Amino acid sequence: MKLTALQLLLWHGVLWMAGEATALGPAHNLPQSFLLKCLEQVRKIQADGTELQERLCATHKLCHPEELVLLGHSLGIPQAPLSSCSSQALQLTGCLGQLHSGLFLYQGLLRALAGVSSELASTVDLLQLDVKDFTTNIWQQMEDLGVAPAMQPTQGTMPAFTSAFQRRAGGVLVASNLQSFLERAYRVLRYLAGP
């Protein structure tokens, strides 16, 4: 009886390790240069996003994104998930797909902010360009690994801002959501890049 239990325990351990190796195995195929470039892109986008938030706060007194959450729901501003990127259940293919989809979503949301204000136009444009570059970098890596979908995704319905206030409030929420998304992405990329 004890021998059978021990065999089952060992067999379970072997299966668990095999599952872990399958989930994390391809991570070793990610070039260090790709991971370091991604980390650099995250930091750049975070700096751009912080600048956008600070300028919206200073110019338009939209300093408390938590007060705008209800408005965010009514405006239909979506958030991008990164559930496949959690360190407990990392699935490299799914994680790269979610990173790409999330960045693609934020590209569309930033486009929807066009015209937020003349003094912020260059900041929004720069942020959009940096997010687009990061999106392209992730897609290229997915193609290199042979895990890219057959077709690039298409942009879903984006929020329609009907007033200058909604566009500015949307800018704070989009920048805040993007920052949260990038913080999670940064942790995963650091984990994949190793010590």
Protein backbone atom coordinates (compact mmCIF):
# COMPACT_ATOMS: atom_id res chain seq x y z
CA MET A 1 0.00 0.00 0.00
CA LYS A 2 2.78 2.42 0.97
CA LEU A 3 4.71 1.48 -2.17
CA THR A 4 1.67 2.22 -4.36
CA ALA A 5 1.14 5.58 -2.67
CA LEU A 6 4.82 6.43 -3.13
CA GLN A 7 4.67 5.44 -6.81
CA LEU A 8 1.56 7.59 -7.31
CA LEU A 9 3.25 10.51 -5.58
CA LEU A 10 6.38 10.15 -7.73
CA TRP A 11 4.28 9.79 -10.90
CA HIS A 12 2.30 12.93 -9.97
CA GLY A 13 5.60 14.78 -9.39
CA VAL A 14 6.92 13.72 -12.80
CA LEU A 15 3.68 14.81 -14.51
CA TRP A 16 3.72 18.14 -12.64
CA MET A 17 7.34 18.81 -13.66
CA ALA A 18 6.57 17.86 -17.27
CA GLY A 19 3.59 20.26 -17.23
CA GLU A 20 5.77 23.02 -15.82
CA ALA A 21 8.43 22.38 -18.46
CA THR A 22 5.80 22.55 -21.20
CA ALA A 23 4.38 25.80 -19.84
CA LEU A 24 7.78 27.45 -19.41
CA GLY A 25 9.91 25.59 -21.97
CA PRO A 26 9.53 28.01 -24.90
CA ALA A 27 10.53 30.89 -22.61
CA HIS A 28 14.09 29.76 -23.08
CA ASN A 29 13.62 30.30 -26.82
CA LEU A 30 13.00 34.02 -26.32
CA PRO A 31 16.13 35.94 -27.26
CA GLN A 32 17.58 38.04 -24.47
CA SER A 33 17.82 40.95 -26.92
CA PHE A 34 14.03 40.76 -27.47
CA LEU A 35 13.31 40.72 -23.74
CA LEU A 36 15.66 43.64 -23.04
CA LYS A 37 14.13 45.65 -25.89
CA CYS A 38 10.65 44.95 -24.48
CA LEU A 39 11.71 46.09 -21.01
CA GLU A 40 13.11 49.28 -22.52
CA GLN A 41 9.89 49.86 -24.49
CA VAL A 42 7.77 49.36 -21.35
CA ARG A 43 9.80 51.95 -19.45
CA LYS A 44 9.51 54.43 -22.34
CA ILE A 45 5.72 53.99 -22.63
CA GLN A 46 5.34 54.28 -18.84
CA ALA A 47 7.22 57.59 -18.93
CA ASP A 48 5.01 58.84 -21.78
CA GLY A 49 1.86 57.72 -19.95
CA THR A 50 2.97 59.39 -16.73
CA GLU A 51 3.57 62.63 -18.64
CA LEU A 52 0.08 62.45 -20.16
CA GLN A 53 -1.51 61.88 -16.74
CA GLU A 54 0.49 64.66 -15.10
CA ARG A 55 -0.34 67.16 -17.83
CA LEU A 56 -4.06 66.28 -17.71
CA CYS A 57 -3.90 66.73 -13.95
CA ALA A 58 -2.06 70.05 -14.10
CA THR A 59 -4.01 71.54 -17.00
CA HIS A 60 -7.51 70.17 -16.49
CA LYS A 61 -7.50 69.18 -12.78
CA LEU A 62 -8.27 65.53 -13.58
CA CYS A 63 -6.01 64.25 -10.82
CA HIS A 64 -8.01 61.37 -9.35
CA PRO A 65 -8.52 58.46 -11.78
CA GLU A 66 -10.38 56.51 -9.07
CA GLU A 67 -13.08 59.21 -9.11
CA LEU A 68 -13.44 58.67 -12.85
CA VAL A 69 -13.98 54.89 -12.71
CA LEU A 70 -17.77 55.18 -12.98
CA LEU A 71 -17.38 57.49 -15.94
CA GLY A 72 -15.00 54.91 -17.42
CA HIS A 73 -17.74 52.28 -17.23
CA SER A 74 -20.29 54.58 -18.85
CA LEU A 75 -17.79 55.50 -21.58
CA GLY A 76 -17.08 51.83 -22.23
CA ILE A 77 -13.32 51.97 -21.73
CA PRO A 78 -12.14 48.33 -21.69
CA GLN A 79 -9.17 46.92 -19.82
CA ALA A 80 -6.80 44.32 -21.26
CA PRO A 81 -6.26 41.04 -19.35
CA LEU A 82 -2.91 39.36 -18.79
CA SER A 83 -4.14 36.17 -17.09
CA SER A 84 -1.91 33.91 -19.25
CA CYS A 85 1.12 35.82 -17.97
CA SER A 86 0.77 35.08 -14.25
CA SER A 87 3.92 33.47 -12.87
CA GLN A 88 1.84 30.62 -11.41
CA ALA A 89 0.33 29.64 -14.77
CA LEU A 90 2.63 31.19 -17.35
CA GLN A 91 1.76 30.09 -20.86
CA LEU A 92 4.26 31.74 -23.17
CA THR A 93 2.16 31.59 -26.34
CA GLY A 94 -0.95 32.83 -24.53
CA CYS A 95 1.06 35.49 -22.71
CA LEU A 96 2.59 36.87 -25.91
CA GLY A 97 -0.89 36.82 -27.48
CA GLN A 98 -2.39 38.72 -24.55
CA LEU A 99 0.48 41.23 -24.55
CA HIS A 100 -0.08 41.84 -28.25
CA SER A 101 -3.88 42.05 -27.92
CA GLY A 102 -3.62 44.42 -24.96
CA LEU A 103 -1.17 46.72 -26.71
CA PHE A 104 -3.34 46.64 -29.83
CA LEU A 105 -6.35 47.63 -27.70
CA TYR A 106 -4.44 50.56 -26.18
CA GLN A 107 -3.37 51.67 -29.67
CA GLY A 108 -7.07 52.00 -30.56
CA LEU A 109 -7.92 53.73 -27.29
CA LEU A 110 -5.13 56.25 -27.82
CA ARG A 111 -6.39 56.89 -31.36
CA ALA A 112 -9.85 57.57 -29.85
CA LEU A 113 -8.21 60.30 -27.73
CA ALA A 114 -7.14 62.27 -30.81
CA GLY A 115 -8.02 65.90 -30.25
CA VAL A 116 -7.93 65.61 -26.43
CA SER A 117 -6.33 69.07 -26.45
CA SER A 118 -3.88 70.89 -28.66
CA GLU A 119 -1.23 71.10 -25.93
CA LEU A 120 -1.39 67.31 -25.37
CA ALA A 121 -1.52 66.26 -29.03
CA SER A 122 2.21 65.60 -29.32
CA THR A 123 2.24 63.59 -26.06
CA VAL A 124 -0.67 61.41 -27.22
CA ASP A 125 0.95 60.97 -30.65
CA LEU A 126 4.27 59.93 -29.10
CA LEU A 127 2.54 57.52 -26.73
CA GLN A 128 0.57 56.01 -29.59
CA LEU A 129 3.74 55.59 -31.69
CA ASP A 130 5.63 53.92 -28.82
CA VAL A 131 2.73 51.53 -28.14
CA LYS A 132 2.57 50.71 -31.86
CA ASP A 133 6.32 49.93 -31.93
CA PHE A 134 5.97 47.65 -28.90
CA THR A 135 2.96 45.92 -30.50
CA THR A 136 4.97 45.32 -33.68
CA ASN A 137 7.91 43.97 -31.66
CA ILE A 138 5.68 41.42 -29.88
CA TRP A 139 4.01 40.39 -33.17
CA GLN A 140 7.41 39.89 -34.84
CA GLN A 141 8.52 37.64 -31.98
CA MET A 142 5.28 35.64 -32.23
CA GLU A 143 5.95 35.17 -35.96
CA ASP A 144 9.55 34.14 -35.25
CA LEU A 145 8.27 31.50 -32.80
CA GLY A 146 5.60 30.36 -35.25
CA VAL A 147 2.75 31.17 -32.83
CA ALA A 148 1.28 34.25 -34.50
CA PRO A 149 -2.34 33.92 -35.65
CA ALA A 150 -2.86 33.69 -39.41
CA MET A 151 -4.17 37.27 -39.48
CA GLN A 152 -3.49 40.41 -37.48
CA PRO A 153 -6.41 41.28 -35.18
CA THR A 154 -8.86 43.98 -36.13
CA GLN A 155 -9.78 46.84 -33.84
CA GLY A 156 -13.06 46.45 -32.00
CA THR A 157 -15.47 49.24 -31.17
CA MET A 158 -13.77 52.08 -29.37
CA PRO A 159 -15.47 54.52 -27.00
CA ALA A 160 -16.99 57.59 -28.61
CA PHE A 161 -16.19 60.69 -26.60
CA THR A 162 -18.96 63.26 -27.12
CA SER A 163 -17.42 66.14 -25.17
CA ALA A 164 -14.02 67.60 -24.39
CA PHE A 165 -14.48 66.61 -20.73
CA GLN A 166 -15.21 62.98 -21.68
CA ARG A 167 -12.12 62.89 -23.91
CA ARG A 168 -9.91 64.31 -21.13
CA ALA A 169 -11.40 62.00 -18.50
CA GLY A 170 -10.96 59.15 -20.97
CA GLY A 171 -7.33 60.19 -21.37
CA VAL A 172 -6.72 59.85 -17.63
CA LEU A 173 -8.43 56.46 -17.53
CA VAL A 174 -6.71 55.11 -20.64
CA ALA A 175 -3.30 56.26 -19.34
CA SER A 176 -4.04 54.77 -15.90
CA ASN A 177 -5.22 51.43 -17.35
CA LEU A 178 -2.22 51.33 -19.68
CA GLN A 179 0.13 51.94 -16.74
CA SER A 180 -1.44 49.07 -14.81
CA PHE A 181 -1.18 46.78 -17.86
CA LEU A 182 2.47 47.73 -18.36
CA GLU A 183 3.35 47.13 -14.70
CA ARG A 184 2.10 43.54 -15.03
CA ALA A 185 3.86 43.15 -18.41
CA TYR A 186 7.11 44.46 -16.93
CA ARG A 187 7.03 41.91 -14.09
CA VAL A 188 6.53 39.05 -16.58
CA LEU A 189 9.27 40.29 -18.90
CA ARG A 190 11.68 40.64 -15.98
CA TYR A 191 10.80 37.10 -14.89
CA LEU A 192 11.45 35.78 -18.41
CA ALA A 193 14.69 37.75 -18.72
CA GLY A 194 16.00 36.07 -15.56
CA PRO A 195 18.20 37.55 -12.84
